[in-house]
Amino acid sequence: MDEQMDNKKLIEAALFMSQSAMGVNELVTATGLMSPGKIHELLKELIAEYNTRDTSLQLIEIGGKYMFALKEPYASKVSNLAIGPDLTRGALRLLAYVNKNPNVLQSAVVKIFGGSTYEYMKELGEKEFIETKKSGRSKRINTTTKFKEYFNV
């Protein structure tokens, strides 16, 4: 088997074993084989291959990082098998709201969800699913790359 094929399989194996999405530099470190440019080139080839394969898997890029995900309709059919994020129902509701309303002000969220917003925001912040930026006397809330990776959105 040629060296390029082995390198592609090594990248594939690293992504499969990783618990989170990996950037090109992380893959350089993990594989110890190639330059970032070569890894980026092989990743593009792998993405194209997975898009044409008759498989339930796909290789996706989110925020400059790469990971495996399930294609639809397979993802929705077996999602109950995934280990949940261990979030309270209120935190999940708040997270869904923030995802649908990017850059929302915390003060607006408090009006909708009440005083428990602060508890939910603390929970989501600790799990690194949201980030906040000061905006006047309030904060702007957005979902993070980790949220997008974890929930495959």
C-alpha atoms as a PDB file:
ATOM      1  CA  MET A   1       0.000   0.000   0.000  1.00  0.00           C
ATOM      2  CA  ASP A   2       1.347   3.454  -0.816  1.00  0.00           C
ATOM      3  CA  GLU A   3       2.424   5.924   1.863  1.00  0.00           C
ATOM      4  CA  GLN A   4      -0.328   8.472   1.076  1.00  0.00           C
ATOM      5  CA  MET A   5      -2.999   5.850   1.662  1.00  0.00           C
ATOM      6  CA  ASP A   6      -1.452   4.915   5.001  1.00  0.00           C
ATOM      7  CA  ASN A   7      -1.286   8.583   6.046  1.00  0.00           C
ATOM      8  CA  LYS A   8      -4.948   9.033   5.143  1.00  0.00           C
ATOM      9  CA  LYS A   9      -5.864   6.002   7.232  1.00  0.00           C
ATOM     10  CA  LEU A  10      -3.789   7.323  10.133  1.00  0.00           C
ATOM     11  CA  ILE A  11      -5.677  10.639  10.025  1.00  0.00           C
ATOM     12  CA  GLU A  12      -8.955   8.722   9.831  1.00  0.00           C
ATOM     13  CA  ALA A  13      -7.945   6.608  12.857  1.00  0.00           C
ATOM     14  CA  ALA A  14      -6.919   9.671  14.884  1.00  0.00           C
ATOM     15  CA  LEU A  15     -10.244  11.396  14.201  1.00  0.00           C
ATOM     16  CA  PHE A  16     -12.179   8.233  15.014  1.00  0.00           C
ATOM     17  CA  MET A  17     -10.427   7.789  18.374  1.00  0.00           C
ATOM     18  CA  SER A  18     -10.550  11.446  19.413  1.00  0.00           C
ATOM     19  CA  GLN A  19     -13.291  12.457  21.830  1.00  0.00           C
ATOM     20  CA  SER A  20     -13.560  15.893  20.241  1.00  0.00           C
ATOM     21  CA  ALA A  21     -12.952  17.579  16.909  1.00  0.00           C
ATOM     22  CA  MET A  22      -9.319  18.031  15.943  1.00  0.00           C
ATOM     23  CA  GLY A  23      -7.577  20.849  14.122  1.00  0.00           C
ATOM     24  CA  VAL A  24      -4.840  20.380  11.530  1.00  0.00           C
ATOM     25  CA  ASN A  25      -2.065  21.176  14.033  1.00  0.00           C
ATOM     26  CA  GLU A  26      -3.512  18.684  16.518  1.00  0.00           C
ATOM     27  CA  LEU A  27      -3.470  16.066  13.760  1.00  0.00           C
ATOM     28  CA  VAL A  28       0.166  16.906  12.949  1.00  0.00           C
ATOM     29  CA  THR A  29       1.020  16.285  16.608  1.00  0.00           C
ATOM     30  CA  ALA A  30      -1.113  13.141  16.861  1.00  0.00           C
ATOM     31  CA  THR A  31       0.228  11.526  13.698  1.00  0.00           C
ATOM     32  CA  GLY A  32       3.763  12.887  13.851  1.00  0.00           C
ATOM     33  CA  LEU A  33       4.033  12.404  10.120  1.00  0.00           C
ATOM     34  CA  MET A  34       3.273  15.385   7.980  1.00  0.00           C
ATOM     35  CA  SER A  35       3.124  19.077   7.399  1.00  0.00           C
ATOM     36  CA  PRO A  36      -0.115  20.988   8.088  1.00  0.00           C
ATOM     37  CA  GLY A  37      -0.539  21.566   4.347  1.00  0.00           C
ATOM     38  CA  LYS A  38      -0.350  17.855   3.577  1.00  0.00           C
ATOM     39  CA  ILE A  39      -2.780  16.984   6.392  1.00  0.00           C
ATOM     40  CA  HIS A  40      -5.222  19.641   5.139  1.00  0.00           C
ATOM     41  CA  GLU A  41      -5.000  18.191   1.622  1.00  0.00           C
ATOM     42  CA  LEU A  42      -5.624  14.636   2.883  1.00  0.00           C
ATOM     43  CA  LEU A  43      -8.546  15.831   5.035  1.00  0.00           C
ATOM     44  CA  LYS A  44     -10.219  17.350   1.966  1.00  0.00           C
ATOM     45  CA  GLU A  45      -9.758  14.033   0.141  1.00  0.00           C
ATOM     46  CA  LEU A  46     -11.243  12.108   3.087  1.00  0.00           C
ATOM     47  CA  ILE A  47     -14.244  14.446   3.239  1.00  0.00           C
ATOM     48  CA  ALA A  48     -14.878  13.913  -0.471  1.00  0.00           C
ATOM     49  CA  GLU A  49     -14.510  10.137  -0.091  1.00  0.00           C
ATOM     50  CA  TYR A  50     -16.965   9.978   2.822  1.00  0.00           C
ATOM     51  CA  ASN A  51     -19.456  12.132   0.912  1.00  0.00           C
ATOM     52  CA  THR A  52     -19.483   9.622  -1.954  1.00  0.00           C
ATOM     53  CA  ARG A  53     -19.357   6.408   0.109  1.00  0.00           C
ATOM     54  CA  ASP A  54     -22.495   4.439   0.831  1.00  0.00           C
ATOM     55  CA  THR A  55     -22.099   4.784   4.606  1.00  0.00           C
ATOM     56  CA  SER A  56     -23.878   6.364   7.548  1.00  0.00           C
ATOM     57  CA  LEU A  57     -20.730   8.324   8.457  1.00  0.00           C
ATOM     58  CA  GLN A  58     -19.479  11.657   7.245  1.00  0.00           C
ATOM     59  CA  LEU A  59     -16.372  13.699   7.999  1.00  0.00           C
ATOM     60  CA  ILE A  60     -17.249  17.310   8.749  1.00  0.00           C
ATOM     61  CA  GLU A  61     -15.399  20.548   9.435  1.00  0.00           C
ATOM     62  CA  ILE A  62     -16.618  22.899  12.170  1.00  0.00           C
ATOM     63  CA  GLY A  63     -14.674  26.034  12.986  1.00  0.00           C
ATOM     64  CA  GLY A  64     -11.455  24.729  11.439  1.00  0.00           C
ATOM     65  CA  LYS A  65     -11.661  21.410  13.271  1.00  0.00           C
ATOM     66  CA  TYR A  66     -12.637  18.022  11.903  1.00  0.00           C
ATOM     67  CA  MET A  67     -14.740  15.195  13.287  1.00  0.00           C
ATOM     68  CA  PHE A  68     -16.875  12.244  12.318  1.00  0.00           C
ATOM     69  CA  ALA A  69     -20.655  12.564  12.457  1.00  0.00           C
ATOM     70  CA  LEU A  70     -23.650  10.522  11.369  1.00  0.00           C
ATOM     71  CA  LYS A  71     -25.548  11.393   8.219  1.00  0.00           C
ATOM     72  CA  GLU A  72     -29.304  11.829   8.353  1.00  0.00           C
ATOM     73  CA  PRO A  73     -31.613   9.930   8.728  1.00  0.00           C
ATOM     74  CA  TYR A  74     -29.271   7.655  10.721  1.00  0.00           C
ATOM     75  CA  ALA A  75     -28.363  10.321  13.294  1.00  0.00           C
ATOM     76  CA  SER A  76     -31.972  10.916  14.334  1.00  0.00           C
ATOM     77  CA  LYS A  77     -32.778   7.189  14.360  1.00  0.00           C
ATOM     78  CA  VAL A  78     -30.021   6.246  16.830  1.00  0.00           C
ATOM     79  CA  SER A  79     -29.553   9.502  18.765  1.00  0.00           C
ATOM     80  CA  ASN A  80     -31.150   7.913  21.843  1.00  0.00           C
ATOM     81  CA  LEU A  81     -28.032   5.720  22.157  1.00  0.00           C
ATOM     82  CA  ALA A  82     -25.743   8.721  22.624  1.00  0.00           C
ATOM     83  CA  ILE A  83     -24.684   9.701  26.102  1.00  0.00           C
ATOM     84  CA  GLY A  84     -26.448  12.962  26.907  1.00  0.00           C
ATOM     85  CA  PRO A  85     -24.698  16.156  27.906  1.00  0.00           C
ATOM     86  CA  ASP A  86     -25.987  15.843  31.466  1.00  0.00           C
ATOM     87  CA  LEU A  87     -27.786  19.188  31.348  1.00  0.00           C
ATOM     88  CA  THR A  88     -30.917  20.147  33.207  1.00  0.00           C
ATOM     89  CA  ARG A  89     -34.082  20.616  31.189  1.00  0.00           C
ATOM     90  CA  GLY A  90     -34.028  24.371  31.813  1.00  0.00           C
ATOM     91  CA  ALA A  91     -30.415  24.660  30.649  1.00  0.00           C
ATOM     92  CA  LEU A  92     -31.266  22.732  27.466  1.00  0.00           C
ATOM     93  CA  ARG A  93     -34.201  25.061  26.799  1.00  0.00           C
ATOM     94  CA  LEU A  94     -31.986  28.110  27.318  1.00  0.00           C
ATOM     95  CA  LEU A  95     -29.300  26.612  25.069  1.00  0.00           C
ATOM     96  CA  ALA A  96     -31.843  26.005  22.300  1.00  0.00           C
ATOM     97  CA  TYR A  97     -33.065  29.599  22.630  1.00  0.00           C
ATOM     98  CA  VAL A  98     -29.542  31.027  22.438  1.00  0.00           C
ATOM     99  CA  ASN A  99     -28.770  28.849  19.418  1.00  0.00           C
ATOM    100  CA  LYS A 100     -31.841  30.185  17.579  1.00  0.00           C
ATOM    101  CA  ASN A 101     -31.170  33.779  18.710  1.00  0.00           C
ATOM    102  CA  PRO A 102     -27.429  34.436  18.392  1.00  0.00           C
ATOM    103  CA  ASN A 103     -26.014  37.498  20.131  1.00  0.00           C
ATOM    104  CA  VAL A 104     -29.052  37.719  22.422  1.00  0.00           C
ATOM    105  CA  LEU A 105     -28.788  39.965  25.465  1.00  0.00           C
ATOM    106  CA  GLN A 106     -28.809  38.276  28.862  1.00  0.00           C
ATOM    107  CA  SER A 107     -31.345  40.845  30.074  1.00  0.00           C
ATOM    108  CA  ALA A 108     -33.765  39.726  27.330  1.00  0.00           C
ATOM    109  CA  VAL A 109     -33.236  36.073  28.257  1.00  0.00           C
ATOM    110  CA  VAL A 110     -33.955  36.838  31.932  1.00  0.00           C
ATOM    111  CA  LYS A 111     -37.282  38.389  30.933  1.00  0.00           C
ATOM    112  CA  ILE A 112     -38.226  35.157  29.152  1.00  0.00           C
ATOM    113  CA  PHE A 113     -36.743  32.503  31.475  1.00  0.00           C
ATOM    114  CA  GLY A 114     -36.810  34.379  34.776  1.00  0.00           C
ATOM    115  CA  GLY A 115     -34.239  34.448  37.554  1.00  0.00           C
ATOM    116  CA  SER A 116     -33.168  30.858  36.991  1.00  0.00           C
ATOM    117  CA  THR A 117     -31.406  32.091  33.835  1.00  0.00           C
ATOM    118  CA  TYR A 118     -28.272  32.816  35.871  1.00  0.00           C
ATOM    119  CA  GLU A 119     -28.127  29.244  37.195  1.00  0.00           C
ATOM    120  CA  TYR A 120     -28.615  27.823  33.697  1.00  0.00           C
ATOM    121  CA  MET A 121     -25.980  30.155  32.250  1.00  0.00           C
ATOM    122  CA  LYS A 122     -23.495  29.076  34.903  1.00  0.00           C
ATOM    123  CA  GLU A 123     -24.184  25.416  34.068  1.00  0.00           C
ATOM    124  CA  LEU A 124     -23.802  26.018  30.311  1.00  0.00           C
ATOM    125  CA  GLY A 125     -20.689  28.123  30.821  1.00  0.00           C
ATOM    126  CA  GLU A 126     -19.028  25.408  32.924  1.00  0.00           C
ATOM    127  CA  LYS A 127     -19.719  22.889  30.151  1.00  0.00           C
ATOM    128  CA  GLU A 128     -18.362  25.435  27.624  1.00  0.00           C
ATOM    129  CA  PHE A 129     -21.540  25.437  25.529  1.00  0.00           C
ATOM    130  CA  ILE A 130     -22.021  29.212  25.708  1.00  0.00           C
ATOM    131  CA  GLU A 131     -19.812  32.272  25.884  1.00  0.00           C
ATOM    132  CA  THR A 132     -20.688  35.762  27.022  1.00  0.00           C
ATOM    133  CA  LYS A 133     -19.347  39.213  26.185  1.00  0.00           C
ATOM    134  CA  LYS A 134     -20.060  42.369  28.137  1.00  0.00           C
ATOM    135  CA  SER A 135     -22.456  44.660  26.302  1.00  0.00           C
ATOM    136  CA  GLY A 136     -23.340  47.799  28.214  1.00  0.00           C
ATOM    137  CA  ARG A 137     -24.950  46.752  31.495  1.00  0.00           C
ATOM    138  CA  SER A 138     -25.806  43.297  30.178  1.00  0.00           C
ATOM    139  CA  LYS A 139     -23.996  40.494  28.341  1.00  0.00           C
ATOM    140  CA  ARG A 140     -24.351  39.073  24.832  1.00  0.00           C
ATOM    141  CA  ILE A 141     -24.727  35.275  24.781  1.00  0.00           C
ATOM    142  CA  ASN A 142     -23.621  32.959  21.979  1.00  0.00           C
ATOM    143  CA  THR A 143     -23.069  29.243  21.553  1.00  0.00           C
ATOM    144  CA  THR A 144     -19.497  27.967  21.246  1.00  0.00           C
ATOM    145  CA  THR A 145     -17.671  25.763  18.776  1.00  0.00           C
ATOM    146  CA  LYS A 146     -17.835  23.013  21.413  1.00  0.00           C
ATOM    147  CA  PHE A 147     -21.659  23.284  21.351  1.00  0.00           C
ATOM    148  CA  LYS A 148     -21.671  22.920  17.552  1.00  0.00           C
ATOM    149  CA  GLU A 149     -19.342  19.925  17.720  1.00  0.00           C
ATOM    150  CA  TYR A 150     -21.221  18.221  20.539  1.00  0.00           C
ATOM    151  CA  PHE A 151     -24.711  18.660  19.097  1.00  0.00           C
ATOM    152  CA  ASN A 152     -23.551  18.362  15.474  1.00  0.00           C
ATOM    153  CA  VAL A 153     -25.178  21.616  14.332  1.00  0.00           C
END
